[in-house]
Amino acid sequence: PSLEGCRAKLARGRLHKDAFEHELAKVVPPSKRKEIPL
């Protein structure tokens, strides 16, 4: 049987994972994540 629909849902989930990481980078870039204000 074709699992094309299942794999399309999996791929969509990974797109949202990448989008989450992109949103974080806009807020606090990885280069700034060692700067913790105290």
Full PDB file with SEQRES, HELIX, SHEET, SSBOND, CRYST1, ORIGX, SCALE, CONECT and MASTER records, all heavy atoms in Angstrom:
SEQRES   1 A   38  PRO SER LEU GLU GLY CYS ARG ALA LYS LEU ALA ARG GLY          
SEQRES   2 A   38  ARG LEU HIS LYS ASP ALA PHE GLU HIS GLU LEU ALA LYS          
SEQRES   3 A   38  VAL VAL PRO PRO SER LYS ARG LYS GLU ILE PRO LEU              
HELIX    1 AA1 GLU A    4  VAL A   27  1                                  24    
HELIX    2 AA2 PRO A   30  LYS A   32  5                                   3    
CRYST1    1.000    1.000    1.000  90.00  90.00  90.00 P 1           1          
ORIGX1      1.000000  0.000000  0.000000        0.00000                         
ORIGX2      0.000000  1.000000  0.000000        0.00000                         
ORIGX3      0.000000  0.000000  1.000000        0.00000                         
SCALE1      1.000000  0.000000  0.000000        0.00000                         
SCALE2      0.000000  1.000000  0.000000        0.00000                         
SCALE3      0.000000  0.000000  1.000000        0.00000                         
ATOM      1  N   PRO A   1       0.833  -1.204   0.000  1.00  0.00           N  
ATOM      2  CA  PRO A   1       0.000   0.000   0.000  1.00  0.00           C  
ATOM      3  C   PRO A   1       0.870   1.257   0.000  1.00  0.00           C  
ATOM      4  O   PRO A   1       1.992   1.249   0.499  1.00  0.00           O  
ATOM      5  CB  PRO A   1      -0.786  -0.126   1.312  1.00  0.00           C  
ATOM      6  CG  PRO A   1       0.098  -0.950   2.194  1.00  0.00           C  
ATOM      7  CD  PRO A   1       0.788  -1.924   1.277  1.00  0.00           C  
ATOM      8  N   SER A   2       0.344   2.321  -0.533  1.00  0.00           N  
ATOM      9  CA  SER A   2       1.077   3.577  -0.559  1.00  0.00           C  
ATOM     10  C   SER A   2       0.988   4.271   0.797  1.00  0.00           C  
ATOM     11  O   SER A   2      -0.083   4.346   1.400  1.00  0.00           O  
ATOM     12  CB  SER A   2       0.493   4.494  -1.638  1.00  0.00           C  
ATOM     13  OG  SER A   2       1.063   5.783  -1.545  1.00  0.00           O  
ATOM     14  N   LEU A   3       2.119   4.733   1.279  1.00  0.00           N  
ATOM     15  CA  LEU A   3       2.151   5.517   2.512  1.00  0.00           C  
ATOM     16  C   LEU A   3       2.418   6.987   2.195  1.00  0.00           C  
ATOM     17  O   LEU A   3       2.923   7.731   3.037  1.00  0.00           O  
ATOM     18  CB  LEU A   3       3.230   4.979   3.462  1.00  0.00           C  
ATOM     19  CG  LEU A   3       3.120   3.516   3.892  1.00  0.00           C  
ATOM     20  CD1 LEU A   3       4.151   3.211   4.963  1.00  0.00           C  
ATOM     21  CD2 LEU A   3       1.723   3.192   4.401  1.00  0.00           C  
ATOM     22  N   GLU A   4       2.041   7.389   0.986  1.00  0.00           N  
ATOM     23  CA  GLU A   4       2.333   8.750   0.549  1.00  0.00           C  
ATOM     24  C   GLU A   4       1.712   9.788   1.481  1.00  0.00           C  
ATOM     25  O   GLU A   4       2.346  10.796   1.829  1.00  0.00           O  
ATOM     26  CB  GLU A   4       1.814   8.954  -0.878  1.00  0.00           C  
ATOM     27  CG  GLU A   4       2.127  10.331  -1.449  1.00  0.00           C  
ATOM     28  CD  GLU A   4       1.654  10.486  -2.879  1.00  0.00           C  
ATOM     29  OE1 GLU A   4       1.263   9.465  -3.494  1.00  0.00           O  
ATOM     30  OE2 GLU A   4       1.674  11.626  -3.381  1.00  0.00           O  
ATOM     31  N   GLY A   5       0.472   9.566   1.903  1.00  0.00           N  
ATOM     32  CA  GLY A   5      -0.179  10.514   2.799  1.00  0.00           C  
ATOM     33  C   GLY A   5       0.525  10.598   4.149  1.00  0.00           C  
ATOM     34  O   GLY A   5       0.679  11.679   4.723  1.00  0.00           O  
ATOM     35  N   CYS A   6       0.936   9.429   4.668  1.00  0.00           N  
ATOM     36  CA  CYS A   6       1.660   9.391   5.951  1.00  0.00           C  
ATOM     37  C   CYS A   6       2.958  10.185   5.853  1.00  0.00           C  
ATOM     38  O   CYS A   6       3.297  10.979   6.741  1.00  0.00           O  
ATOM     39  CB  CYS A   6       1.971   7.954   6.347  1.00  0.00           C  
ATOM     40  SG  CYS A   6       0.539   6.864   6.495  1.00  0.00           S  
ATOM     41  N   ARG A   7       3.672   9.971   4.770  1.00  0.00           N  
ATOM     42  CA  ARG A   7       4.967  10.647   4.609  1.00  0.00           C  
ATOM     43  C   ARG A   7       4.777  12.149   4.354  1.00  0.00           C  
ATOM     44  O   ARG A   7       5.626  12.956   4.742  1.00  0.00           O  
ATOM     45  CB  ARG A   7       5.767  10.000   3.488  1.00  0.00           C  
ATOM     46  CG  ARG A   7       6.070   8.534   3.782  1.00  0.00           C  
ATOM     47  CD  ARG A   7       7.142   7.975   2.872  1.00  0.00           C  
ATOM     48  NE  ARG A   7       7.314   6.551   3.108  1.00  0.00           N  
ATOM     49  CZ  ARG A   7       8.020   6.037   4.120  1.00  0.00           C  
ATOM     50  NH1 ARG A   7       8.605   6.851   4.988  1.00  0.00           N  
ATOM     51  NH2 ARG A   7       8.129   4.728   4.262  1.00  0.00           N  
ATOM     52  N   ALA A   8       3.658  12.515   3.728  1.00  0.00           N  
ATOM     53  CA  ALA A   8       3.377  13.936   3.532  1.00  0.00           C  
ATOM     54  C   ALA A   8       3.130  14.619   4.881  1.00  0.00           C  
ATOM     55  O   ALA A   8       3.591  15.756   5.109  1.00  0.00           O  
ATOM     56  CB  ALA A   8       2.163  14.107   2.624  1.00  0.00           C  
ATOM     57  N   LYS A   9       2.426  13.948   5.786  1.00  0.00           N  
ATOM     58  CA  LYS A   9       2.211  14.498   7.123  1.00  0.00           C  
ATOM     59  C   LYS A   9       3.538  14.609   7.884  1.00  0.00           C  
ATOM     60  O   LYS A   9       3.790  15.592   8.587  1.00  0.00           O  
ATOM     61  CB  LYS A   9       1.232  13.624   7.903  1.00  0.00           C  
ATOM     62  CG  LYS A   9      -0.206  13.723   7.449  1.00  0.00           C  
ATOM     63  CD  LYS A   9      -0.790  15.092   7.809  1.00  0.00           C  
ATOM     64  CE  LYS A   9      -2.272  15.167   7.497  1.00  0.00           C  
ATOM     65  NZ  LYS A   9      -2.836  16.496   7.850  1.00  0.00           N  
ATOM     66  N   LEU A  10       4.390  13.593   7.761  1.00  0.00           N  
ATOM     67  CA  LEU A  10       5.704  13.627   8.402  1.00  0.00           C  
ATOM     68  C   LEU A  10       6.525  14.803   7.883  1.00  0.00           C  
ATOM     69  O   LEU A  10       7.141  15.548   8.659  1.00  0.00           O  
ATOM     70  CB  LEU A  10       6.437  12.311   8.149  1.00  0.00           C  
ATOM     71  CG  LEU A  10       7.898  12.224   8.612  1.00  0.00           C  
ATOM     72  CD1 LEU A  10       8.009  12.425  10.116  1.00  0.00           C  
ATOM     73  CD2 LEU A  10       8.500  10.882   8.192  1.00  0.00           C  
ATOM     74  N   ALA A  11       6.519  14.985   6.572  1.00  0.00           N  
ATOM     75  CA  ALA A  11       7.270  16.094   5.975  1.00  0.00           C  
ATOM     76  C   ALA A  11       6.719  17.439   6.436  1.00  0.00           C  
ATOM     77  O   ALA A  11       7.481  18.381   6.689  1.00  0.00           O  
ATOM     78  CB  ALA A  11       7.216  15.988   4.446  1.00  0.00           C  
ATOM     79  N   ARG A  12       5.403  17.545   6.550  1.00  0.00           N  
ATOM     80  CA  ARG A  12       4.803  18.795   7.019  1.00  0.00           C  
ATOM     81  C   ARG A  12       5.221  19.080   8.462  1.00  0.00           C  
ATOM     82  O   ARG A  12       5.488  20.227   8.830  1.00  0.00           O  
ATOM     83  CB  ARG A  12       3.280  18.707   6.917  1.00  0.00           C  
ATOM     84  CG  ARG A  12       2.540  19.919   7.436  1.00  0.00           C  
ATOM     85  CD  ARG A  12       2.883  21.180   6.686  1.00  0.00           C  
ATOM     86  NE  ARG A  12       2.516  21.099   5.283  1.00  0.00           N  
ATOM     87  CZ  ARG A  12       2.636  22.106   4.414  1.00  0.00           C  
ATOM     88  NH1 ARG A  12       3.129  23.266   4.826  1.00  0.00           N  
ATOM     89  NH2 ARG A  12       2.295  21.956   3.160  1.00  0.00           N  
ATOM     90  N   GLY A  13       5.289  18.030   9.284  1.00  0.00           N  
ATOM     91  CA  GLY A  13       5.748  18.219  10.652  1.00  0.00           C  
ATOM     92  C   GLY A  13       7.171  18.746  10.705  1.00  0.00           C  
ATOM     93  O   GLY A  13       7.491  19.638  11.496  1.00  0.00           O  
ATOM     94  N   ARG A  14       8.027  18.225   9.839  1.00  0.00           N  
ATOM     95  CA  ARG A  14       9.413  18.684   9.824  1.00  0.00           C  
ATOM     96  C   ARG A  14       9.521  20.118   9.310  1.00  0.00           C  
ATOM     97  O   ARG A  14      10.411  20.869   9.727  1.00  0.00           O  
ATOM     98  CB  ARG A  14      10.259  17.722   8.985  1.00  0.00           C  
ATOM     99  CG  ARG A  14      10.540  16.413   9.735  1.00  0.00           C  
ATOM    100  CD  ARG A  14      11.249  15.389   8.898  1.00  0.00           C  
ATOM    101  NE  ARG A  14      11.771  14.306   9.729  1.00  0.00           N  
ATOM    102  CZ  ARG A  14      12.019  13.079   9.302  1.00  0.00           C  
ATOM    103  NH1 ARG A  14      11.782  12.770   8.030  1.00  0.00           N  
ATOM    104  NH2 ARG A  14      12.495  12.164  10.126  1.00  0.00           N  
ATOM    105  N   LEU A  15       8.629  20.508   8.413  1.00  0.00           N  
ATOM    106  CA  LEU A  15       8.603  21.903   7.975  1.00  0.00           C  
ATOM    107  C   LEU A  15       8.277  22.843   9.135  1.00  0.00           C  
ATOM    108  O   LEU A  15       8.869  23.917   9.273  1.00  0.00           O  
ATOM    109  CB  LEU A  15       7.585  22.086   6.851  1.00  0.00           C  
ATOM    110  CG  LEU A  15       8.008  21.630   5.447  1.00  0.00           C  
ATOM    111  CD1 LEU A  15       6.851  21.813   4.470  1.00  0.00           C  
ATOM    112  CD2 LEU A  15       9.230  22.410   4.965  1.00  0.00           C  
ATOM    113  N   HIS A  16       7.334  22.423   9.988  1.00  0.00           N  
ATOM    114  CA  HIS A  16       7.001  23.240  11.156  1.00  0.00           C  
ATOM    115  C   HIS A  16       8.162  23.273  12.151  1.00  0.00           C  
ATOM    116  O   HIS A  16       8.388  24.298  12.807  1.00  0.00           O  
ATOM    117  CB  HIS A  16       5.738  22.715  11.819  1.00  0.00           C  
ATOM    118  CG  HIS A  16       4.474  23.127  11.118  1.00  0.00           C  
ATOM    119  ND1 HIS A  16       4.031  24.431  11.108  1.00  0.00           N  
ATOM    120  CD2 HIS A  16       3.574  22.410  10.396  1.00  0.00           C  
ATOM    121  CE1 HIS A  16       2.901  24.506  10.423  1.00  0.00           C  
ATOM    122  NE2 HIS A  16       2.605  23.294   9.973  1.00  0.00           N  
ATOM    123  N   LYS A  17       8.883  22.176  12.269  1.00  0.00           N  
ATOM    124  CA  LYS A  17      10.073  22.171  13.136  1.00  0.00           C  
ATOM    125  C   LYS A  17      11.082  23.207  12.639  1.00  0.00           C  
ATOM    126  O   LYS A  17      11.632  23.983  13.428  1.00  0.00           O  
ATOM    127  CB  LYS A  17      10.713  20.782  13.161  1.00  0.00           C  
ATOM    128  CG  LYS A  17      12.027  20.722  13.942  1.00  0.00           C  
ATOM    129  CD  LYS A  17      12.670  19.358  13.844  1.00  0.00           C  
ATOM    130  CE  LYS A  17      13.318  19.125  12.491  1.00  0.00           C  
ATOM    131  NZ  LYS A  17      14.528  19.950  12.300  1.00  0.00           N  
ATOM    132  N   ASP A  18      11.325  23.221  11.340  1.00  0.00           N  
ATOM    133  CA  ASP A  18      12.259  24.199  10.767  1.00  0.00           C  
ATOM    134  C   ASP A  18      11.742  25.627  10.940  1.00  0.00           C  
ATOM    135  O   ASP A  18      12.518  26.554  11.201  1.00  0.00           O  
ATOM    136  CB  ASP A  18      12.488  23.894   9.290  1.00  0.00           C  
ATOM    137  CG  ASP A  18      13.214  22.576   9.058  1.00  0.00           C  
ATOM    138  OD1 ASP A  18      13.850  22.072  10.014  1.00  0.00           O  
ATOM    139  OD2 ASP A  18      13.136  22.041   7.939  1.00  0.00           O  
ATOM    140  N   ALA A  19      10.419  25.805  10.801  1.00  0.00           N  
ATOM    141  CA  ALA A  19       9.833  27.132  10.968  1.00  0.00           C  
ATOM    142  C   ALA A  19       9.985  27.608  12.413  1.00  0.00           C  
ATOM    143  O   ALA A  19      10.224  28.797  12.675  1.00  0.00           O  
ATOM    144  CB  ALA A  19       8.356  27.119  10.570  1.00  0.00           C  
ATOM    145  N   PHE A  20       9.855  26.692  13.364  1.00  0.00           N  
ATOM    146  CA  PHE A  20      10.054  27.022  14.779  1.00  0.00           C  
ATOM    147  C   PHE A  20      11.482  27.523  15.007  1.00  0.00           C  
ATOM    148  O   PHE A  20      11.705  28.550  15.653  1.00  0.00           O  
ATOM    149  CB  PHE A  20       9.774  25.786  15.630  1.00  0.00           C  
ATOM    150  CG  PHE A  20      10.136  25.931  17.082  1.00  0.00           C  
ATOM    151  CD1 PHE A  20       9.510  26.882  17.877  1.00  0.00           C  
ATOM    152  CD2 PHE A  20      11.087  25.106  17.659  1.00  0.00           C  
ATOM    153  CE1 PHE A  20       9.840  27.015  19.221  1.00  0.00           C  
ATOM    154  CE2 PHE A  20      11.424  25.233  18.994  1.00  0.00           C  
ATOM    155  CZ  PHE A  20      10.794  26.183  19.782  1.00  0.00           C  
ATOM    156  N   GLU A  21      12.442  26.812  14.453  1.00  0.00           N  
ATOM    157  CA  GLU A  21      13.837  27.214  14.602  1.00  0.00           C  
ATOM    158  C   GLU A  21      14.079  28.575  13.945  1.00  0.00           C  
ATOM    159  O   GLU A  21      14.828  29.408  14.472  1.00  0.00           O  
ATOM    160  CB  GLU A  21      14.751  26.151  13.995  1.00  0.00           C  
ATOM    161  CG  GLU A  21      16.200  26.296  14.372  1.00  0.00           C  
ATOM    162  CD  GLU A  21      16.994  25.050  14.035  1.00  0.00           C  
ATOM    163  OE1 GLU A  21      16.553  24.270  13.173  1.00  0.00           O  
ATOM    164  OE2 GLU A  21      18.057  24.856  14.645  1.00  0.00           O  
ATOM    165  N   HIS A  22      13.439  28.816  12.816  1.00  0.00           N  
ATOM    166  CA  HIS A  22      13.584  30.098  12.124  1.00  0.00           C  
ATOM    167  C   HIS A  22      13.017  31.238  12.969  1.00  0.00           C  
ATOM    168  O   HIS A  22      13.620  32.329  13.058  1.00  0.00           O  
ATOM    169  CB  HIS A  22      12.881  30.028  10.770  1.00  0.00           C  
ATOM    170  CG  HIS A  22      12.967  31.287   9.975  1.00  0.00           C  
ATOM    171  ND1 HIS A  22      14.138  31.743   9.406  1.00  0.00           N  
ATOM    172  CD2 HIS A  22      12.006  32.219   9.659  1.00  0.00           C  
ATOM    173  CE1 HIS A  22      13.911  32.880   8.778  1.00  0.00           C  
ATOM    174  NE2 HIS A  22      12.632  33.188   8.916  1.00  0.00           N  
ATOM    175  N   GLU A  23      11.863  31.012  13.594  1.00  0.00           N  
ATOM    176  CA  GLU A  23      11.267  32.037  14.455  1.00  0.00           C  
ATOM    177  C   GLU A  23      12.172  32.353  15.638  1.00  0.00           C  
ATOM    178  O   GLU A  23      12.329  33.512  16.036  1.00  0.00           O  
ATOM    179  CB  GLU A  23       9.894  31.567  14.959  1.00  0.00           C  
ATOM    180  CG  GLU A  23       8.816  31.508  13.898  1.00  0.00           C  
ATOM    181  CD  GLU A  23       8.409  32.886  13.407  1.00  0.00           C  
ATOM    182  OE1 GLU A  23       8.524  33.848  14.175  1.00  0.00           O  
ATOM    183  OE2 GLU A  23       7.984  32.996  12.242  1.00  0.00           O  
ATOM    184  N   LEU A  24      12.795  31.337  16.216  1.00  0.00           N  
ATOM    185  CA  LEU A  24      13.700  31.562  17.343  1.00  0.00           C  
ATOM    186  C   LEU A  24      14.899  32.396  16.919  1.00  0.00           C  
ATOM    187  O   LEU A  24      15.349  33.280  17.661  1.00  0.00           O  
ATOM    188  CB  LEU A  24      14.195  30.225  17.902  1.00  0.00           C  
ATOM    189  CG  LEU A  24      13.164  29.316  18.563  1.00  0.00           C  
ATOM    190  CD1 LEU A  24      13.855  28.061  19.088  1.00  0.00           C  
ATOM    191  CD2 LEU A  24      12.452  30.032  19.689  1.00  0.00           C  
ATOM    192  N   ALA A  25      15.435  32.096  15.734  1.00  0.00           N  
ATOM    193  CA  ALA A  25      16.615  32.815  15.256  1.00  0.00           C  
ATOM    194  C   ALA A  25      16.311  34.292  15.051  1.00  0.00           C  
ATOM    195  O   ALA A  25      17.194  35.147  15.220  1.00  0.00           O  
ATOM    196  CB  ALA A  25      17.123  32.189  13.968  1.00  0.00           C  
ATOM    197  N   LYS A  26      15.055  34.608  14.696  1.00  0.00           N  
ATOM    198  CA  LYS A  26      14.691  36.015  14.528  1.00  0.00           C  
ATOM    199  C   LYS A  26      14.633  36.734  15.866  1.00  0.00           C  
ATOM    200  O   LYS A  26      14.909  37.931  15.954  1.00  0.00           O  
ATOM    201  CB  LYS A  26      13.338  36.126  13.811  1.00  0.00           C  
ATOM    202  CG  LYS A  26      13.368  35.709  12.349  1.00  0.00           C  
ATOM    203  CD  LYS A  26      12.121  36.141  11.616  1.00  0.00           C  
ATOM    204  CE  LYS A  26      10.876  35.534  12.192  1.00  0.00           C  
ATOM    205  NZ  LYS A  26       9.651  35.866  11.413  1.00  0.00           N  
ATOM    206  N   VAL A  27      14.267  36.017  16.916  1.00  0.00           N  
ATOM    207  CA  VAL A  27      14.135  36.623  18.242  1.00  0.00           C  
ATOM    208  C   VAL A  27      15.492  36.721  18.938  1.00  0.00           C  
ATOM    209  O   VAL A  27      15.909  37.787  19.383  1.00  0.00           O  
ATOM    210  CB  VAL A  27      13.147  35.809  19.107  1.00  0.00           C  
ATOM    211  CG1 VAL A  27      13.106  36.349  20.530  1.00  0.00           C  
ATOM    212  CG2 VAL A  27      11.767  35.843  18.480  1.00  0.00           C  
ATOM    213  N   VAL A  28      16.161  35.591  19.052  1.00  0.00           N  
ATOM    214  CA  VAL A  28      17.498  35.538  19.666  1.00  0.00           C  
ATOM    215  C   VAL A  28      18.374  34.673  18.771  1.00  0.00           C  
ATOM    216  O   VAL A  28      18.269  33.444  18.794  1.00  0.00           O  
ATOM    217  CB  VAL A  28      17.456  34.946  21.095  1.00  0.00           C  
ATOM    218  CG1 VAL A  28      18.860  34.937  21.702  1.00  0.00           C  
ATOM    219  CG2 VAL A  28      16.507  35.744  21.981  1.00  0.00           C  
ATOM    220  N   PRO A  29      19.247  35.266  17.957  1.00  0.00           N  
ATOM    221  CA  PRO A  29      20.121  34.480  17.077  1.00  0.00           C  
ATOM    222  C   PRO A  29      21.008  33.541  17.886  1.00  0.00           C  
ATOM    223  O   PRO A  29      21.332  33.830  19.046  1.00  0.00           O  
ATOM    224  CB  PRO A  29      20.961  35.551  16.365  1.00  0.00           C  
ATOM    225  CG  PRO A  29      20.171  36.811  16.483  1.00  0.00           C  
ATOM    226  CD  PRO A  29      19.435  36.716  17.785  1.00  0.00           C  
ATOM    227  N   PRO A  30      21.394  32.402  17.300  1.00  0.00           N  
ATOM    228  CA  PRO A  30      22.263  31.466  18.026  1.00  0.00           C  
ATOM    229  C   PRO A  30      23.517  32.113  18.593  1.00  0.00           C  
ATOM    230  O   PRO A  30      23.984  31.734  19.678  1.00  0.00           O  
ATOM    231  CB  PRO A  30      22.602  30.424  16.945  1.00  0.00           C  
ATOM    232  CG  PRO A  30      21.418  30.450  16.031  1.00  0.00           C  
ATOM    233  CD  PRO A  30      20.977  31.884  15.990  1.00  0.00           C  
ATOM    234  N   SER A  31      24.074  33.099  17.896  1.00  0.00           N  
ATOM    235  CA  SER A  31      25.291  33.754  18.372  1.00  0.00           C  
ATOM    236  C   SER A  31      25.061  34.557  19.647  1.00  0.00           C  
ATOM    237  O   SER A  31      26.021  34.903  20.348  1.00  0.00           O  
ATOM    238  CB  SER A  31      25.844  34.679  17.283  1.00  0.00           C  
ATOM    239  OG  SER A  31      24.904  35.695  16.962  1.00  0.00           O  
ATOM    240  N   LYS A  32      23.802  34.873  19.957  1.00  0.00           N  
ATOM    241  CA  LYS A  32      23.481  35.668  21.138  1.00  0.00           C  
ATOM    242  C   LYS A  32      23.013  34.815  22.315  1.00  0.00           C  
ATOM    243  O   LYS A  32      22.683  35.350  23.374  1.00  0.00           O  
ATOM    244  CB  LYS A  32      22.376  36.679  20.792  1.00  0.00           C  
ATOM    245  CG  LYS A  32      22.753  37.702  19.729  1.00  0.00           C  
ATOM    246  CD  LYS A  32      23.789  38.684  20.251  1.00  0.00           C  
ATOM    247  CE  LYS A  32      24.051  39.787  19.240  1.00  0.00           C  
ATOM    248  NZ  LYS A  32      25.082  40.743  19.732  1.00  0.00           N  
ATOM    249  N   ARG A  33      22.989  33.504  22.149  1.00  0.00           N  
ATOM    250  CA  ARG A  33      22.400  32.662  23.186  1.00  0.00           C  
ATOM    251  C   ARG A  33      23.370  32.314  24.319  1.00  0.00           C  
ATOM    252  O   ARG A  33      23.035  31.536  25.199  1.00  0.00           O  
ATOM    253  CB  ARG A  33      21.821  31.391  22.554  1.00  0.00           C  
ATOM    254  CG  ARG A  33      20.637  31.709  21.661  1.00  0.00           C  
ATOM    255  CD  ARG A  33      20.040  30.513  20.989  1.00  0.00           C  
ATOM    256  NE  ARG A  33      19.114  30.945  19.927  1.00  0.00           N  
ATOM    257  CZ  ARG A  33      18.542  30.130  19.061  1.00  0.00           C  
ATOM    258  NH1 ARG A  33      18.773  28.825  19.129  1.00  0.00           N  
ATOM    259  NH2 ARG A  33      17.742  30.607  18.128  1.00  0.00           N  
ATOM    260  N   LYS A  34      24.555  32.864  24.274  1.00  0.00           N  
ATOM    261  CA  LYS A  34      25.481  32.733  25.397  1.00  0.00           C  
ATOM    262  C   LYS A  34      25.501  33.987  26.260  1.00  0.00           C  
ATOM    263  O   LYS A  34      26.217  34.053  27.256  1.00  0.00           O  
ATOM    264  CB  LYS A  34      26.894  32.436  24.888  1.00  0.00           C  
ATOM    265  CG  LYS A  34      27.032  31.051  24.256  1.00  0.00           C  
ATOM    266  CD  LYS A  34      28.480  30.777  23.870  1.00  0.00           C  
ATOM    267  CE  LYS A  34      28.612  29.385  23.244  1.00  0.00           C  
ATOM    268  NZ  LYS A  34      28.363  28.310  24.220  1.00  0.00           N  
ATOM    269  N   GLU A  35      24.733  34.982  25.871  1.00  0.00           N  
ATOM    270  CA  GLU A  35      24.689  36.238  26.604  1.00  0.00           C  
ATOM    271  C   GLU A  35      23.463  36.240  27.517  1.00  0.00           C  
ATOM    272  O   GLU A  35      22.344  36.515  27.086  1.00  0.00           O  
ATOM    273  CB  GLU A  35      24.640  37.415  25.635  1.00  0.00           C  
ATOM    274  CG  GLU A  35      25.849  37.475  24.703  1.00  0.00           C  
ATOM    275  CD  GLU A  35      25.722  38.585  23.679  1.00  0.00           C  
ATOM    276  OE1 GLU A  35      24.764  39.389  23.780  1.00  0.00           O  
ATOM    277  OE2 GLU A  35      26.583  38.651  22.783  1.00  0.00           O  
ATOM    278  N   ILE A  36      23.666  35.892  28.773  1.00  0.00           N  
ATOM    279  CA  ILE A  36      22.576  35.804  29.720  1.00  0.00           C  
ATOM    280  C   ILE A  36      22.637  37.004  30.662  1.00  0.00           C  
ATOM    281  O   ILE A  36      23.602  37.157  31.413  1.00  0.00           O  
ATOM    282  CB  ILE A  36      22.646  34.491  30.520  1.00  0.00           C  
ATOM    283  CG1 ILE A  36      22.581  33.300  29.563  1.00  0.00           C  
ATOM    284  CG2 ILE A  36      21.524  34.416  31.544  1.00  0.00           C  
ATOM    285  CD1 ILE A  36      22.680  31.975  30.246  1.00  0.00           C  
ATOM    286  N   PRO A  37      21.648  37.888  30.619  1.00  0.00           N  
ATOM    287  CA  PRO A  37      21.689  39.075  31.487  1.00  0.00           C  
ATOM    288  C   PRO A  37      21.418  38.717  32.942  1.00  0.00           C  
ATOM    289  O   PRO A  37      20.464  38.004  33.253  1.00  0.00           O  
ATOM    290  CB  PRO A  37      20.579  39.958  30.908  1.00  0.00           C  
ATOM    291  CG  PRO A  37      19.612  38.993  30.299  1.00  0.00           C  
ATOM    292  CD  PRO A  37      20.446  37.856  29.774  1.00  0.00           C  
ATOM    293  N   LEU A  38      22.267  39.207  33.830  1.00  0.00           N  
ATOM    294  CA  LEU A  38      22.110  38.973  35.260  1.00  0.00           C  
ATOM    295  C   LEU A  38      22.222  40.290  36.009  1.00  0.00           C  
ATOM    296  O   LEU A  38      22.893  41.211  35.569  1.00  0.00           O  
ATOM    297  CB  LEU A  38      23.189  38.005  35.778  1.00  0.00           C  
ATOM    298  CG  LEU A  38      23.219  36.585  35.222  1.00  0.00           C  
ATOM    299  CD1 LEU A  38      24.410  35.833  35.808  1.00  0.00           C  
ATOM    300  CD2 LEU A  38      21.928  35.838  35.543  1.00  0.00           C  
TER     301      LEU A  38                                                      
MASTER        0    0    0    2    0    0    0    6  300    1    0    3          
END                                                                             
